[in-house]
Amino acid sequence: VYAYVSVSNTACEGANFGSLHGVAEFGNV
């Protein structure tokens, strides 16, 4: 359960970062 929660939080944080920082901010995809 601890590992599943960690995997879930990790994926959500990555998607959150990607949704808040656009491609234009980093130059290319």
mmCIF file of all heavy atoms, coordinates in Angstrom:
data_MODEL
# 
_entry.id   MODEL 
# 
loop_
_atom_site.group_PDB 
_atom_site.id 
_atom_site.type_symbol 
_atom_site.label_atom_id 
_atom_site.label_alt_id 
_atom_site.label_comp_id 
_atom_site.label_asym_id 
_atom_site.label_entity_id 
_atom_site.label_seq_id 
_atom_site.pdbx_PDB_ins_code 
_atom_site.Cartn_x 
_atom_site.Cartn_y 
_atom_site.Cartn_z 
_atom_site.occupancy 
_atom_site.B_iso_or_equiv 
_atom_site.pdbx_formal_charge 
_atom_site.auth_seq_id 
_atom_site.auth_comp_id 
_atom_site.auth_asym_id 
_atom_site.auth_atom_id 
_atom_site.pdbx_PDB_model_num 
ATOM 1   N N   . VAL A 1 1  ? 0.836  -1.197 0.000   1.00 0.00 ? 1  VAL A N   1 
ATOM 2   C CA  . VAL A 1 1  ? 0.000  0.000  0.000   1.00 0.00 ? 1  VAL A CA  1 
ATOM 3   C C   . VAL A 1 1  ? 0.877  1.255  0.000   1.00 0.00 ? 1  VAL A C   1 
ATOM 4   O O   . VAL A 1 1  ? 0.611  2.222  -0.727  1.00 0.00 ? 1  VAL A O   1 
ATOM 5   C CB  . VAL A 1 1  ? -0.981 -0.002 1.190   1.00 0.00 ? 1  VAL A CB  1 
ATOM 6   C CG1 . VAL A 1 1  ? -1.675 1.329  1.344   1.00 0.00 ? 1  VAL A CG1 1 
ATOM 7   C CG2 . VAL A 1 1  ? -1.992 -1.125 1.036   1.00 0.00 ? 1  VAL A CG2 1 
ATOM 8   N N   . TYR A 1 2  ? 1.939  1.258  0.782   1.00 0.00 ? 2  TYR A N   1 
ATOM 9   C CA  . TYR A 1 2  ? 2.848  2.397  0.843   1.00 0.00 ? 2  TYR A CA  1 
ATOM 10  C C   . TYR A 1 2  ? 3.486  2.650  -0.528  1.00 0.00 ? 2  TYR A C   1 
ATOM 11  O O   . TYR A 1 2  ? 3.571  3.794  -0.990  1.00 0.00 ? 2  TYR A O   1 
ATOM 12  C CB  . TYR A 1 2  ? 3.923  2.139  1.896   1.00 0.00 ? 2  TYR A CB  1 
ATOM 13  C CG  . TYR A 1 2  ? 4.848  3.297  2.127   1.00 0.00 ? 2  TYR A CG  1 
ATOM 14  C CD1 . TYR A 1 2  ? 4.446  4.388  2.888   1.00 0.00 ? 2  TYR A CD1 1 
ATOM 15  C CD2 . TYR A 1 2  ? 6.127  3.307  1.598   1.00 0.00 ? 2  TYR A CD2 1 
ATOM 16  C CE1 . TYR A 1 2  ? 5.289  5.458  3.112   1.00 0.00 ? 2  TYR A CE1 1 
ATOM 17  C CE2 . TYR A 1 2  ? 6.970  4.373  1.810   1.00 0.00 ? 2  TYR A CE2 1 
ATOM 18  C CZ  . TYR A 1 2  ? 6.554  5.439  2.567   1.00 0.00 ? 2  TYR A CZ  1 
ATOM 19  O OH  . TYR A 1 2  ? 7.393  6.498  2.777   1.00 0.00 ? 2  TYR A OH  1 
ATOM 20  N N   . ALA A 1 3  ? 3.914  1.581  -1.203  1.00 0.00 ? 3  ALA A N   1 
ATOM 21  C CA  . ALA A 1 3  ? 4.524  1.719  -2.528  1.00 0.00 ? 3  ALA A CA  1 
ATOM 22  C C   . ALA A 1 3  ? 3.501  2.213  -3.543  1.00 0.00 ? 3  ALA A C   1 
ATOM 23  O O   . ALA A 1 3  ? 3.812  3.053  -4.394  1.00 0.00 ? 3  ALA A O   1 
ATOM 24  C CB  . ALA A 1 3  ? 5.125  0.392  -2.974  1.00 0.00 ? 3  ALA A CB  1 
ATOM 25  N N   . TYR A 1 4  ? 2.258  1.732  -3.458  1.00 0.00 ? 4  TYR A N   1 
ATOM 26  C CA  . TYR A 1 4  ? 1.232  2.175  -4.401  1.00 0.00 ? 4  TYR A CA  1 
ATOM 27  C C   . TYR A 1 4  ? 0.927  3.662  -4.215  1.00 0.00 ? 4  TYR A C   1 
ATOM 28  O O   . TYR A 1 4  ? 0.777  4.402  -5.193  1.00 0.00 ? 4  TYR A O   1 
ATOM 29  C CB  . TYR A 1 4  ? -0.053 1.354  -4.257  1.00 0.00 ? 4  TYR A CB  1 
ATOM 30  C CG  . TYR A 1 4  ? -1.090 1.774  -5.260  1.00 0.00 ? 4  TYR A CG  1 
ATOM 31  C CD1 . TYR A 1 4  ? -0.966 1.394  -6.596  1.00 0.00 ? 4  TYR A CD1 1 
ATOM 32  C CD2 . TYR A 1 4  ? -2.154 2.581  -4.905  1.00 0.00 ? 4  TYR A CD2 1 
ATOM 33  C CE1 . TYR A 1 4  ? -1.884 1.804  -7.546  1.00 0.00 ? 4  TYR A CE1 1 
ATOM 34  C CE2 . TYR A 1 4  ? -3.076 2.997  -5.839  1.00 0.00 ? 4  TYR A CE2 1 
ATOM 35  C CZ  . TYR A 1 4  ? -2.947 2.596  -7.164  1.00 0.00 ? 4  TYR A CZ  1 
ATOM 36  O OH  . TYR A 1 4  ? -3.862 3.016  -8.092  1.00 0.00 ? 4  TYR A OH  1 
ATOM 37  N N   . VAL A 1 5  ? 0.844  4.104  -2.982  1.00 0.00 ? 5  VAL A N   1 
ATOM 38  C CA  . VAL A 1 5  ? 0.596  5.523  -2.719  1.00 0.00 ? 5  VAL A CA  1 
ATOM 39  C C   . VAL A 1 5  ? 1.770  6.362  -3.239  1.00 0.00 ? 5  VAL A C   1 
ATOM 40  O O   . VAL A 1 5  ? 1.572  7.434  -3.823  1.00 0.00 ? 5  VAL A O   1 
ATOM 41  C CB  . VAL A 1 5  ? 0.334  5.768  -1.220  1.00 0.00 ? 5  VAL A CB  1 
ATOM 42  C CG1 . VAL A 1 5  ? 0.352  7.244  -0.882  1.00 0.00 ? 5  VAL A CG1 1 
ATOM 43  C CG2 . VAL A 1 5  ? -0.985 5.146  -0.803  1.00 0.00 ? 5  VAL A CG2 1 
ATOM 44  N N   . SER A 1 6  ? 2.992  5.886  -3.054  1.00 0.00 ? 6  SER A N   1 
ATOM 45  C CA  . SER A 1 6  ? 4.170  6.603  -3.557  1.00 0.00 ? 6  SER A CA  1 
ATOM 46  C C   . SER A 1 6  ? 4.158  6.698  -5.074  1.00 0.00 ? 6  SER A C   1 
ATOM 47  O O   . SER A 1 6  ? 4.453  7.759  -5.647  1.00 0.00 ? 6  SER A O   1 
ATOM 48  C CB  . SER A 1 6  ? 5.455  5.919  -3.090  1.00 0.00 ? 6  SER A CB  1 
ATOM 49  O OG  . SER A 1 6  ? 5.600  6.024  -1.707  1.00 0.00 ? 6  SER A OG  1 
ATOM 50  N N   . VAL A 1 7  ? 3.805  5.608  -5.748  1.00 0.00 ? 7  VAL A N   1 
ATOM 51  C CA  . VAL A 1 7  ? 3.726  5.615  -7.212  1.00 0.00 ? 7  VAL A CA  1 
ATOM 52  C C   . VAL A 1 7  ? 2.631  6.578  -7.675  1.00 0.00 ? 7  VAL A C   1 
ATOM 53  O O   . VAL A 1 7  ? 2.822  7.351  -8.623  1.00 0.00 ? 7  VAL A O   1 
ATOM 54  C CB  . VAL A 1 7  ? 3.490  4.182  -7.756  1.00 0.00 ? 7  VAL A CB  1 
ATOM 55  C CG1 . VAL A 1 7  ? 3.098  4.199  -9.220  1.00 0.00 ? 7  VAL A CG1 1 
ATOM 56  C CG2 . VAL A 1 7  ? 4.726  3.324  -7.558  1.00 0.00 ? 7  VAL A CG2 1 
ATOM 57  N N   . SER A 1 8  ? 1.491  6.574  -7.004  1.00 0.00 ? 8  SER A N   1 
ATOM 58  C CA  . SER A 1 8  ? 0.388  7.477  -7.362  1.00 0.00 ? 8  SER A CA  1 
ATOM 59  C C   . SER A 1 8  ? 0.786  8.936  -7.186  1.00 0.00 ? 8  SER A C   1 
ATOM 60  O O   . SER A 1 8  ? 0.543  9.769  -8.071  1.00 0.00 ? 8  SER A O   1 
ATOM 61  C CB  . SER A 1 8  ? -0.840 7.179  -6.499  1.00 0.00 ? 8  SER A CB  1 
ATOM 62  O OG  . SER A 1 8  ? -1.338 5.906  -6.788  1.00 0.00 ? 8  SER A OG  1 
ATOM 63  N N   . ASN A 1 9  ? 1.395  9.260  -6.051  1.00 0.00 ? 9  ASN A N   1 
ATOM 64  C CA  . ASN A 1 9  ? 1.821  10.639 -5.800  1.00 0.00 ? 9  ASN A CA  1 
ATOM 65  C C   . ASN A 1 9  ? 2.876  11.084 -6.802  1.00 0.00 ? 9  ASN A C   1 
ATOM 66  O O   . ASN A 1 9  ? 2.877  12.239 -7.246  1.00 0.00 ? 9  ASN A O   1 
ATOM 67  C CB  . ASN A 1 9  ? 2.355  10.790 -4.380  1.00 0.00 ? 9  ASN A CB  1 
ATOM 68  C CG  . ASN A 1 9  ? 1.268  10.713 -3.348  1.00 0.00 ? 9  ASN A CG  1 
ATOM 69  O OD1 . ASN A 1 9  ? 0.089  10.845 -3.651  1.00 0.00 ? 9  ASN A OD1 1 
ATOM 70  N ND2 . ASN A 1 9  ? 1.654  10.483 -2.103  1.00 0.00 ? 9  ASN A ND2 1 
ATOM 71  N N   . THR A 1 10 ? 3.769  10.197 -7.151  1.00 0.00 ? 10 THR A N   1 
ATOM 72  C CA  . THR A 1 10 ? 4.832  10.515 -8.102  1.00 0.00 ? 10 THR A CA  1 
ATOM 73  C C   . THR A 1 10 ? 4.250  10.836 -9.472  1.00 0.00 ? 10 THR A C   1 
ATOM 74  O O   . THR A 1 10 ? 4.626  11.834 -10.098 1.00 0.00 ? 10 THR A O   1 
ATOM 75  C CB  . THR A 1 10 ? 5.830  9.348  -8.185  1.00 0.00 ? 10 THR A CB  1 
ATOM 76  O OG1 . THR A 1 10 ? 6.366  9.102  -6.888  1.00 0.00 ? 10 THR A OG1 1 
ATOM 77  C CG2 . THR A 1 10 ? 6.954  9.644  -9.136  1.00 0.00 ? 10 THR A CG2 1 
ATOM 78  N N   . ALA A 1 11 ? 3.329  10.009 -9.940  1.00 0.00 ? 11 ALA A N   1 
ATOM 79  C CA  . ALA A 1 11 ? 2.710  10.249 -11.250 1.00 0.00 ? 11 ALA A CA  1 
ATOM 80  C C   . ALA A 1 11 ? 1.904  11.549 -11.246 1.00 0.00 ? 11 ALA A C   1 
ATOM 81  O O   . ALA A 1 11 ? 1.980  12.335 -12.196 1.00 0.00 ? 11 ALA A O   1 
ATOM 82  C CB  . ALA A 1 11 ? 1.819  9.069  -11.629 1.00 0.00 ? 11 ALA A CB  1 
ATOM 83  N N   . CYS A 1 12 ? 1.158  11.779 -10.187 1.00 0.00 ? 12 CYS A N   1 
ATOM 84  C CA  . CYS A 1 12 ? 0.346  13.010 -10.106 1.00 0.00 ? 12 CYS A CA  1 
ATOM 85  C C   . CYS A 1 12 ? 1.224  14.255 -10.062 1.00 0.00 ? 12 CYS A C   1 
ATOM 86  O O   . CYS A 1 12 ? 0.885  15.278 -10.671 1.00 0.00 ? 12 CYS A O   1 
ATOM 87  C CB  . CYS A 1 12 ? -0.561 12.956 -8.882  1.00 0.00 ? 12 CYS A CB  1 
ATOM 88  S SG  . CYS A 1 12 ? -1.924 11.795 -9.071  1.00 0.00 ? 12 CYS A SG  1 
ATOM 89  N N   . GLU A 1 13 ? 2.332  14.182 -9.360  1.00 0.00 ? 13 GLU A N   1 
ATOM 90  C CA  . GLU A 1 13 ? 3.228  15.345 -9.289  1.00 0.00 ? 13 GLU A CA  1 
ATOM 91  C C   . GLU A 1 13 ? 3.848  15.639 -10.640 1.00 0.00 ? 13 GLU A C   1 
ATOM 92  O O   . GLU A 1 13 ? 3.995  16.802 -11.027 1.00 0.00 ? 13 GLU A O   1 
ATOM 93  C CB  . GLU A 1 13 ? 4.324  15.112 -8.252  1.00 0.00 ? 13 GLU A CB  1 
ATOM 94  C CG  . GLU A 1 13 ? 5.243  16.285 -8.049  1.00 0.00 ? 13 GLU A CG  1 
ATOM 95  C CD  . GLU A 1 13 ? 4.532  17.545 -7.581  1.00 0.00 ? 13 GLU A CD  1 
ATOM 96  O OE1 . GLU A 1 13 ? 3.520  17.430 -6.867  1.00 0.00 ? 13 GLU A OE1 1 
ATOM 97  O OE2 . GLU A 1 13 ? 4.991  18.648 -7.939  1.00 0.00 ? 13 GLU A OE2 1 
ATOM 98  N N   . GLY A 1 14 ? 4.215  14.600 -11.385 1.00 0.00 ? 14 GLY A N   1 
ATOM 99  C CA  . GLY A 1 14 ? 4.759  14.808 -12.725 1.00 0.00 ? 14 GLY A CA  1 
ATOM 100 C C   . GLY A 1 14 ? 3.742  15.447 -13.656 1.00 0.00 ? 14 GLY A C   1 
ATOM 101 O O   . GLY A 1 14 ? 4.060  16.377 -14.399 1.00 0.00 ? 14 GLY A O   1 
ATOM 102 N N   . ALA A 1 15 ? 2.510  14.956 -13.609 1.00 0.00 ? 15 ALA A N   1 
ATOM 103 C CA  . ALA A 1 15 ? 1.457  15.529 -14.453 1.00 0.00 ? 15 ALA A CA  1 
ATOM 104 C C   . ALA A 1 15 ? 1.137  16.958 -14.028 1.00 0.00 ? 15 ALA A C   1 
ATOM 105 O O   . ALA A 1 15 ? 0.887  17.829 -14.871 1.00 0.00 ? 15 ALA A O   1 
ATOM 106 C CB  . ALA A 1 15 ? 0.210  14.660 -14.389 1.00 0.00 ? 15 ALA A CB  1 
ATOM 107 N N   . ASN A 1 16 ? 1.166  17.213 -12.745 1.00 0.00 ? 16 ASN A N   1 
ATOM 108 C CA  . ASN A 1 16 ? 0.916  18.570 -12.241 1.00 0.00 ? 16 ASN A CA  1 
ATOM 109 C C   . ASN A 1 16 ? 1.993  19.530 -12.731 1.00 0.00 ? 16 ASN A C   1 
ATOM 110 O O   . ASN A 1 16 ? 1.695  20.642 -13.177 1.00 0.00 ? 16 ASN A O   1 
ATOM 111 C CB  . ASN A 1 16 ? 0.857  18.559 -10.715 1.00 0.00 ? 16 ASN A CB  1 
ATOM 112 C CG  . ASN A 1 16 ? 0.450  19.885 -10.141 1.00 0.00 ? 16 ASN A CG  1 
ATOM 113 O OD1 . ASN A 1 16 ? -0.378 20.588 -10.704 1.00 0.00 ? 16 ASN A OD1 1 
ATOM 114 N ND2 . ASN A 1 16 ? 1.036  20.238 -9.011  1.00 0.00 ? 16 ASN A ND2 1 
ATOM 115 N N   . PHE A 1 17 ? 3.252  19.109 -12.650 1.00 0.00 ? 17 PHE A N   1 
ATOM 116 C CA  . PHE A 1 17 ? 4.348  19.945 -13.139 1.00 0.00 ? 17 PHE A CA  1 
ATOM 117 C C   . PHE A 1 17 ? 4.172  20.228 -14.628 1.00 0.00 ? 17 PHE A C   1 
ATOM 118 O O   . PHE A 1 17 ? 4.315  21.361 -15.081 1.00 0.00 ? 17 PHE A O   1 
ATOM 119 C CB  . PHE A 1 17 ? 5.697  19.271 -12.882 1.00 0.00 ? 17 PHE A CB  1 
ATOM 120 C CG  . PHE A 1 17 ? 6.869  20.066 -13.370 1.00 0.00 ? 17 PHE A CG  1 
ATOM 121 C CD1 . PHE A 1 17 ? 7.445  21.037 -12.559 1.00 0.00 ? 17 PHE A CD1 1 
ATOM 122 C CD2 . PHE A 1 17 ? 7.388  19.866 -14.638 1.00 0.00 ? 17 PHE A CD2 1 
ATOM 123 C CE1 . PHE A 1 17 ? 8.524  21.793 -13.012 1.00 0.00 ? 17 PHE A CE1 1 
ATOM 124 C CE2 . PHE A 1 17 ? 8.462  20.607 -15.098 1.00 0.00 ? 17 PHE A CE2 1 
ATOM 125 C CZ  . PHE A 1 17 ? 9.034  21.569 -14.280 1.00 0.00 ? 17 PHE A CZ  1 
ATOM 126 N N   . GLY A 1 18 ? 3.855  19.199 -15.402 1.00 0.00 ? 18 GLY A N   1 
ATOM 127 C CA  . GLY A 1 18 ? 3.678  19.369 -16.842 1.00 0.00 ? 18 GLY A CA  1 
ATOM 128 C C   . GLY A 1 18 ? 2.511  20.270 -17.191 1.00 0.00 ? 18 GLY A C   1 
ATOM 129 O O   . GLY A 1 18 ? 2.554  20.996 -18.184 1.00 0.00 ? 18 GLY A O   1 
ATOM 130 N N   . SER A 1 19 ? 1.458  20.226 -16.366 1.00 0.00 ? 19 SER A N   1 
ATOM 131 C CA  . SER A 1 19 ? 0.296  21.068 -16.667 1.00 0.00 ? 19 SER A CA  1 
ATOM 132 C C   . SER A 1 19 ? 0.542  22.536 -16.310 1.00 0.00 ? 19 SER A C   1 
ATOM 133 O O   . SER A 1 19 ? -0.077 23.423 -16.884 1.00 0.00 ? 19 SER A O   1 
ATOM 134 C CB  . SER A 1 19 ? -0.935 20.557 -15.923 1.00 0.00 ? 19 SER A CB  1 
ATOM 135 O OG  . SER A 1 19 ? -0.841 20.816 -14.540 1.00 0.00 ? 19 SER A OG  1 
ATOM 136 N N   . LEU A 1 20 ? 1.438  22.787 -15.366 1.00 0.00 ? 20 LEU A N   1 
ATOM 137 C CA  . LEU A 1 20 ? 1.720  24.162 -14.950 1.00 0.00 ? 20 LEU A CA  1 
ATOM 138 C C   . LEU A 1 20 ? 2.854  24.817 -15.730 1.00 0.00 ? 20 LEU A C   1 
ATOM 139 O O   . LEU A 1 20 ? 2.989  26.037 -15.725 1.00 0.00 ? 20 LEU A O   1 
ATOM 140 C CB  . LEU A 1 20 ? 2.049  24.195 -13.456 1.00 0.00 ? 20 LEU A CB  1 
ATOM 141 C CG  . LEU A 1 20 ? 0.918  23.804 -12.516 1.00 0.00 ? 20 LEU A CG  1 
ATOM 142 C CD1 . LEU A 1 20 ? 1.407  23.765 -11.076 1.00 0.00 ? 20 LEU A CD1 1 
ATOM 143 C CD2 . LEU A 1 20 ? -0.257 24.746 -12.659 1.00 0.00 ? 20 LEU A CD2 1 
ATOM 144 N N   . HIS A 1 21 ? 3.703  24.008 -16.361 1.00 0.00 ? 21 HIS A N   1 
ATOM 145 C CA  . HIS A 1 21 ? 4.855  24.524 -17.118 1.00 0.00 ? 21 HIS A CA  1 
ATOM 146 C C   . HIS A 1 21 ? 4.712  24.075 -18.566 1.00 0.00 ? 21 HIS A C   1 
ATOM 147 O O   . HIS A 1 21 ? 4.837  22.897 -18.874 1.00 0.00 ? 21 HIS A O   1 
ATOM 148 C CB  . HIS A 1 21 ? 6.166  24.002 -16.531 1.00 0.00 ? 21 HIS A CB  1 
ATOM 149 C CG  . HIS A 1 21 ? 6.365  24.380 -15.102 1.00 0.00 ? 21 HIS A CG  1 
ATOM 150 N ND1 . HIS A 1 21 ? 6.859  25.595 -14.728 1.00 0.00 ? 21 HIS A ND1 1 
ATOM 151 C CD2 . HIS A 1 21 ? 6.101  23.714 -13.953 1.00 0.00 ? 21 HIS A CD2 1 
ATOM 152 C CE1 . HIS A 1 21 ? 6.913  25.667 -13.411 1.00 0.00 ? 21 HIS A CE1 1 
ATOM 153 N NE2 . HIS A 1 21 ? 6.450  24.531 -12.916 1.00 0.00 ? 21 HIS A NE2 1 
ATOM 154 N N   . GLY A 1 22 ? 4.459  25.016 -19.444 1.00 0.00 ? 22 GLY A N   1 
ATOM 155 C CA  . GLY A 1 22 ? 4.234  24.707 -20.844 1.00 0.00 ? 22 GLY A CA  1 
ATOM 156 C C   . GLY A 1 22 ? 5.512  24.364 -21.589 1.00 0.00 ? 22 GLY A C   1 
ATOM 157 O O   . GLY A 1 22 ? 6.632  24.604 -21.118 1.00 0.00 ? 22 GLY A O   1 
ATOM 158 N N   . VAL A 1 23 ? 5.340  23.805 -22.779 1.00 0.00 ? 23 VAL A N   1 
ATOM 159 C CA  . VAL A 1 23 ? 6.467  23.435 -23.635 1.00 0.00 ? 23 VAL A CA  1 
ATOM 160 C C   . VAL A 1 23 ? 7.272  24.672 -24.016 1.00 0.00 ? 23 VAL A C   1 
ATOM 161 O O   . VAL A 1 23 ? 8.506  24.627 -24.072 1.00 0.00 ? 23 VAL A O   1 
ATOM 162 C CB  . VAL A 1 23 ? 5.964  22.689 -24.892 1.00 0.00 ? 23 VAL A CB  1 
ATOM 163 C CG1 . VAL A 1 23 ? 7.096  22.415 -25.852 1.00 0.00 ? 23 VAL A CG1 1 
ATOM 164 C CG2 . VAL A 1 23 ? 5.269  21.391 -24.504 1.00 0.00 ? 23 VAL A CG2 1 
ATOM 165 N N   . ALA A 1 24 ? 6.608  25.784 -24.251 1.00 0.00 ? 24 ALA A N   1 
ATOM 166 C CA  . ALA A 1 24 ? 7.293  27.015 -24.662 1.00 0.00 ? 24 ALA A CA  1 
ATOM 167 C C   . ALA A 1 24 ? 8.293  27.480 -23.614 1.00 0.00 ? 24 ALA A C   1 
ATOM 168 O O   . ALA A 1 24 ? 9.311  28.101 -23.944 1.00 0.00 ? 24 ALA A O   1 
ATOM 169 C CB  . ALA A 1 24 ? 6.269  28.116 -24.926 1.00 0.00 ? 24 ALA A CB  1 
ATOM 170 N N   . GLU A 1 25 ? 8.038  27.156 -22.363 1.00 0.00 ? 25 GLU A N   1 
ATOM 171 C CA  . GLU A 1 25 ? 8.944  27.553 -21.276 1.00 0.00 ? 25 GLU A CA  1 
ATOM 172 C C   . GLU A 1 25 ? 10.303 26.862 -21.377 1.00 0.00 ? 25 GLU A C   1 
ATOM 173 O O   . GLU A 1 25 ? 11.322 27.381 -20.920 1.00 0.00 ? 25 GLU A O   1 
ATOM 174 C CB  . GLU A 1 25 ? 8.282  27.211 -19.938 1.00 0.00 ? 25 GLU A CB  1 
ATOM 175 C CG  . GLU A 1 25 ? 9.012  27.695 -18.719 1.00 0.00 ? 25 GLU A CG  1 
ATOM 176 C CD  . GLU A 1 25 ? 8.249  27.395 -17.442 1.00 0.00 ? 25 GLU A CD  1 
ATOM 177 O OE1 . GLU A 1 25 ? 7.005  27.361 -17.469 1.00 0.00 ? 25 GLU A OE1 1 
ATOM 178 O OE2 . GLU A 1 25 ? 8.923  27.193 -16.419 1.00 0.00 ? 25 GLU A OE2 1 
ATOM 179 N N   . PHE A 1 26 ? 10.336 25.678 -22.002 1.00 0.00 ? 26 PHE A N   1 
ATOM 180 C CA  . PHE A 1 26 ? 11.572 24.904 -22.094 1.00 0.00 ? 26 PHE A CA  1 
ATOM 181 C C   . PHE A 1 26 ? 12.145 24.858 -23.506 1.00 0.00 ? 26 PHE A C   1 
ATOM 182 O O   . PHE A 1 26 ? 13.151 24.200 -23.739 1.00 0.00 ? 26 PHE A O   1 
ATOM 183 C CB  . PHE A 1 26 ? 11.324 23.472 -21.594 1.00 0.00 ? 26 PHE A CB  1 
ATOM 184 C CG  . PHE A 1 26 ? 10.995 23.434 -20.128 1.00 0.00 ? 26 PHE A CG  1 
ATOM 185 C CD1 . PHE A 1 26 ? 9.678  23.387 -19.704 1.00 0.00 ? 26 PHE A CD1 1 
ATOM 186 C CD2 . PHE A 1 26 ? 11.995 23.470 -19.177 1.00 0.00 ? 26 PHE A CD2 1 
ATOM 187 C CE1 . PHE A 1 26 ? 9.362  23.372 -18.358 1.00 0.00 ? 26 PHE A CE1 1 
ATOM 188 C CE2 . PHE A 1 26 ? 11.699 23.458 -17.841 1.00 0.00 ? 26 PHE A CE2 1 
ATOM 189 C CZ  . PHE A 1 26 ? 10.373 23.408 -17.420 1.00 0.00 ? 26 PHE A CZ  1 
ATOM 190 N N   . GLY A 1 27 ? 11.518 25.526 -24.453 1.00 0.00 ? 27 GLY A N   1 
ATOM 191 C CA  . GLY A 1 27 ? 12.073 25.629 -25.798 1.00 0.00 ? 27 GLY A CA  1 
ATOM 192 C C   . GLY A 1 27 ? 11.557 24.586 -26.766 1.00 0.00 ? 27 GLY A C   1 
ATOM 193 O O   . GLY A 1 27 ? 11.208 24.904 -27.882 1.00 0.00 ? 27 GLY A O   1 
ATOM 194 N N   . ASN A 1 28 ? 11.542 23.325 -26.364 1.00 0.00 ? 28 ASN A N   1 
ATOM 195 C CA  . ASN A 1 28 ? 11.036 22.269 -27.253 1.00 0.00 ? 28 ASN A CA  1 
ATOM 196 C C   . ASN A 1 28 ? 10.454 21.133 -26.417 1.00 0.00 ? 28 ASN A C   1 
ATOM 197 O O   . ASN A 1 28 ? 10.588 21.103 -25.193 1.00 0.00 ? 28 ASN A O   1 
ATOM 198 C CB  . ASN A 1 28 ? 12.127 21.771 -28.210 1.00 0.00 ? 28 ASN A CB  1 
ATOM 199 C CG  . ASN A 1 28 ? 13.308 21.159 -27.480 1.00 0.00 ? 28 ASN A CG  1 
ATOM 200 O OD1 . ASN A 1 28 ? 13.162 20.509 -26.462 1.00 0.00 ? 28 ASN A OD1 1 
ATOM 201 N ND2 . ASN A 1 28 ? 14.496 21.380 -28.024 1.00 0.00 ? 28 ASN A ND2 1 
ATOM 202 N N   . VAL A 1 29 ? 9.827  20.195 -27.098 1.00 0.00 ? 29 VAL A N   1 
ATOM 203 C CA  . VAL A 1 29 ? 9.140  19.095 -26.414 1.00 0.00 ? 29 VAL A CA  1 
ATOM 204 C C   . VAL A 1 29 ? 10.130 18.190 -25.679 1.00 0.00 ? 29 VAL A C   1 
ATOM 205 O O   . VAL A 1 29 ? 9.849  17.707 -24.586 1.00 0.00 ? 29 VAL A O   1 
ATOM 206 C CB  . VAL A 1 29 ? 8.296  18.274 -27.420 1.00 0.00 ? 29 VAL A CB  1 
ATOM 207 C CG1 . VAL A 1 29 ? 7.680  17.057 -26.770 1.00 0.00 ? 29 VAL A CG1 1 
ATOM 208 C CG2 . VAL A 1 29 ? 7.217  19.138 -28.038 1.00 0.00 ? 29 VAL A CG2 1 
# 
